[in-house]
Each structure stands twice: as C-alpha cells, then as structure tokens.
C-alpha atoms as a PDB file:
ATOM      1  CA  ILE A   1      98.855 112.426  95.323  1.00  0.00           C
ATOM      2  CA  LEU A   2     101.850 111.009  97.033  1.00  0.00           C
ATOM      3  CA  LEU A   3     101.686 113.121  99.474  1.00  0.00           C
ATOM      4  CA  SER A   4      97.856 112.153 100.588  1.00  0.00           C
ATOM      5  CA  ILE A   5      99.054 108.522  99.711  1.00  0.00           C
ATOM      6  CA  LYS A   6     102.385 109.610 102.760  1.00  0.00           C
ATOM      7  CA  GLN A   7      99.907 110.761 104.717  1.00  0.00           C
ATOM      8  CA  GLY A   8      97.520 108.671 105.085  1.00  0.00           C
ATOM      9  CA  LYS A   9      94.288 111.090 104.997  1.00  0.00           C
ATOM     10  CA  LYS A  10      91.955 111.767 103.055  1.00  0.00           C
ATOM     11  CA  THR A  11      92.264 114.636 100.613  1.00  0.00           C
ATOM     12  CA  VAL A  12      90.044 116.938  99.607  1.00  0.00           C
ATOM     13  CA  TRP A  13      91.535 118.993  95.613  1.00  0.00           C
ATOM     14  CA  VAL A  14      89.512 121.876  95.692  1.00  0.00           C
ATOM     15  CA  VAL A  15      89.898 124.196  91.866  1.00  0.00           C
ATOM     16  CA  PRO A  16      87.796 127.301  90.664  1.00  0.00           C
ATOM     17  CA  THR A  17      85.886 125.373  88.035  1.00  0.00           C
ATOM     18  CA  THR A  18      83.088 122.244  87.114  1.00  0.00           C
ATOM     19  CA  PHE A  19      85.443 122.108  84.420  1.00  0.00           C
ATOM     20  CA  THR A  20      88.934 121.774  86.045  1.00  0.00           C
ATOM     21  CA  ALA A  21      87.195 119.239  88.518  1.00  0.00           C
ATOM     22  CA  ILE A  22      86.631 116.991  85.703  1.00  0.00           C
ATOM     23  CA  ARG A  23      89.417 117.425  84.418  1.00  0.00           C
ATOM     24  CA  THR A  24      91.675 116.512  87.666  1.00  0.00           C
ATOM     25  CA  TYR A  25      89.171 113.951  88.543  1.00  0.00           C
ATOM     26  CA  LYS A  26      89.606 112.682  84.956  1.00  0.00           C
ATOM     27  CA  SER A  27      93.639 113.124  85.567  1.00  0.00           C
ATOM     28  CA  VAL A  28      93.930 111.787  89.377  1.00  0.00           C
ATOM     29  CA  THR A  29      92.385 108.665  88.068  1.00  0.00           C
ATOM     30  CA  SER A  30      94.773 108.039  85.295  1.00  0.00           C
ATOM     31  CA  GLU A  31      98.110 108.410  87.373  1.00  0.00           C
ATOM     32  CA  LEU A  32      96.960 106.370  90.313  1.00  0.00           C
ATOM     33  CA  THR A  33      96.275 103.521  87.173  1.00  0.00           C
ATOM     34  CA  LYS A  34      99.798 104.421  86.076  1.00  0.00           C
ATOM     35  CA  MET A  35     101.770 104.207  89.803  1.00  0.00           C
ATOM     36  CA  GLY A  36      99.482 100.920  90.378  1.00  0.00           C
ATOM     37  CA  TYR A  37      97.212 102.117  93.324  1.00  0.00           C
ATOM     38  CA  GLU A  38      93.727 101.665  91.448  1.00  0.00           C
ATOM     39  CA  GLY A  39      91.377  99.661  94.001  1.00  0.00           C
ATOM     40  CA  LEU A  40      93.775 100.720  97.292  1.00  0.00           C
ATOM     41  CA  VAL A  41      93.146 104.131  97.206  1.00  0.00           C
ATOM     42  CA  SER A  42      89.908 105.754  95.435  1.00  0.00           C
ATOM     43  CA  ALA A  43      88.685 109.045  94.414  1.00  0.00           C
ATOM     44  CA  ALA A  44      85.611 110.733  93.656  1.00  0.00           C
ATOM     45  CA  LEU A  45      84.474 113.674  91.915  1.00  0.00           C
ATOM     46  CA  TYR A  46      81.725 115.979  93.681  1.00  0.00           C
ATOM     47  CA  TYR A  47      79.975 118.812  91.769  1.00  0.00           C
ATOM     48  CA  GLY A  48      76.353 120.369  91.611  1.00  0.00           C
ATOM     49  CA  GLY A  49      75.365 119.304  95.250  1.00  0.00           C
ATOM     50  CA  GLN A  50      75.948 114.924  94.084  1.00  0.00           C
ATOM     51  CA  PHE A  51      78.477 113.022  93.371  1.00  0.00           C
ATOM     52  CA  GLU A  52      79.128 112.164  89.436  1.00  0.00           C
ATOM     53  CA  PHE A  53      82.089 109.584  90.889  1.00  0.00           C
ATOM     54  CA  GLY A  54      83.028 107.934  93.263  1.00  0.00           C
ATOM     55  CA  ASP A  55      81.004 108.817  97.316  1.00  0.00           C
ATOM     56  CA  GLU A  56      81.246 109.693 101.022  1.00  0.00           C
ATOM     57  CA  ASN A  57      83.961 107.175 101.409  1.00  0.00           C
ATOM     58  CA  ALA A  58      86.829 108.277  99.222  1.00  0.00           C
ATOM     59  CA  ASP A  59      89.994 108.713  99.929  1.00  0.00           C
ATOM     60  CA  ILE A  60      90.790 111.699  97.738  1.00  0.00           C
ATOM     61  CA  LEU A  61      88.195 114.186  96.554  1.00  0.00           C
ATOM     62  CA  ILE A  62      88.100 116.296  94.280  1.00  0.00           C
ATOM     63  CA  THR A  63      85.570 120.112  94.019  1.00  0.00           C
ATOM     64  CA  ASN A  64      85.375 122.701  92.527  1.00  0.00           C
ATOM     65  CA  ILE A  65      84.541 126.049  95.039  1.00  0.00           C
ATOM     66  CA  ASP A  66      81.332 127.075  94.726  1.00  0.00           C
ATOM     67  CA  THR A  67      80.155 123.396  95.927  1.00  0.00           C
ATOM     68  CA  PHE A  68      82.995 123.295  99.183  1.00  0.00           C
ATOM     69  CA  LEU A  69      81.349 126.906 100.466  1.00  0.00           C
ATOM     70  CA  GLY A  70      78.276 126.264  99.567  1.00  0.00           C
ATOM     71  CA  THR A  71      78.529 122.583 101.949  1.00  0.00           C
ATOM     72  CA  MET A  72      80.341 124.672 104.403  1.00  0.00           C
ATOM     73  CA  ILE A  73      77.282 126.516 104.624  1.00  0.00           C
ATOM     74  CA  LYS A  74      74.370 124.516 103.690  1.00  0.00           C
ATOM     75  CA  ASN A  75      74.299 122.659 106.804  1.00  0.00           C
ATOM     76  CA  CYS A  76      71.769 120.121 105.507  1.00  0.00           C
ATOM     77  CA  ILE A  77      74.492 118.184 103.109  1.00  0.00           C
ATOM     78  CA  SER A  78      77.510 119.112 105.631  1.00  0.00           C
ATOM     79  CA  HIS A  79      77.653 116.076 107.667  1.00  0.00           C
ATOM     80  CA  TRP A  80      79.596 114.379 104.777  1.00  0.00           C
ATOM     81  CA  LEU A  81      82.329 116.957 104.443  1.00  0.00           C
ATOM     82  CA  PHE A  82      82.582 116.547 108.087  1.00  0.00           C
ATOM     83  CA  LYS A  83      82.899 113.900 107.812  1.00  0.00           C
ATOM     84  CA  PHE A  84      85.854 113.774 105.339  1.00  0.00           C
ATOM     85  CA  LEU A  85      87.610 115.922 106.910  1.00  0.00           C
ATOM     86  CA  ASN A  86      88.109 114.343 110.053  1.00  0.00           C
ATOM     87  CA  GLY A  87      88.012 110.838 107.746  1.00  0.00           C
ATOM     88  CA  LYS A  88      91.080 108.290 109.383  1.00  0.00           C
ATOM     89  CA  ASP A  89      93.920 106.699 107.729  1.00  0.00           C
ATOM     90  CA  ALA A  90      92.210 104.529 104.986  1.00  0.00           C
ATOM     91  CA  VAL A  91      94.971 105.103 102.812  1.00  0.00           C
ATOM     92  CA  VAL A  92      97.841 103.752 104.970  1.00  0.00           C
ATOM     93  CA  LYS A  93      95.531 101.136 106.266  1.00  0.00           C
ATOM     94  CA  LYS A  94      94.474 100.019 102.474  1.00  0.00           C
ATOM     95  CA  LEU A  95      98.495  99.932 101.499  1.00  0.00           C
ATOM     96  CA  GLY A  96     100.062  99.041 104.718  1.00  0.00           C
ATOM     97  CA  ILE A  97     102.134 101.421 104.782  1.00  0.00           C
END
C-alpha cells in the first residue's frame, strides 16, 4: 500500500481466489483507515464481471486471477482495465506528494 502511495500510480492487486480478494480488500481498506488515508486513497473490489465495492476510478484495484485474465481476453470489458493500468499520478496529486 505504501509503495503505491509513494509511486503515485494506480495498483492492480491480483490474488488467486475470490475469497482472497474479498479478504484483501477488507484488509487494505482497514489499513488505509488506520494510516489516515481513508478518503485520500481509494480501493475497489472487482470480481465476477462487476465492481462489488468502488469503481474503475479507484487508486487500488483488487481482483482475482480469473477475473483479471478474463478481462484481458474479453474486448467488451477490457477498456476499463486498460484505462486503469494507464492511470496517471492520482494518488500523488491527492496527497500532495
């Protein structure tokens, strides 16, 4: 999380299973709150073809490997992933780093 904040780039966090993605999302949002970054750095949880929490504008995207690879293959939903991967320094601007 701190590396993402320092680099000022969007982060895609790909984990093996949906269960792990959900637990990782809960952990990340909890840590952001503990560190005082709640509201400054946003996280999103994406699996099963939809955002469960957050949206494509989040600074940290958490997903599982099946969803990540599926998005790379399906042209109809790949546009948001490419937009996310090409994101600019949103975190740096928000934090004033």
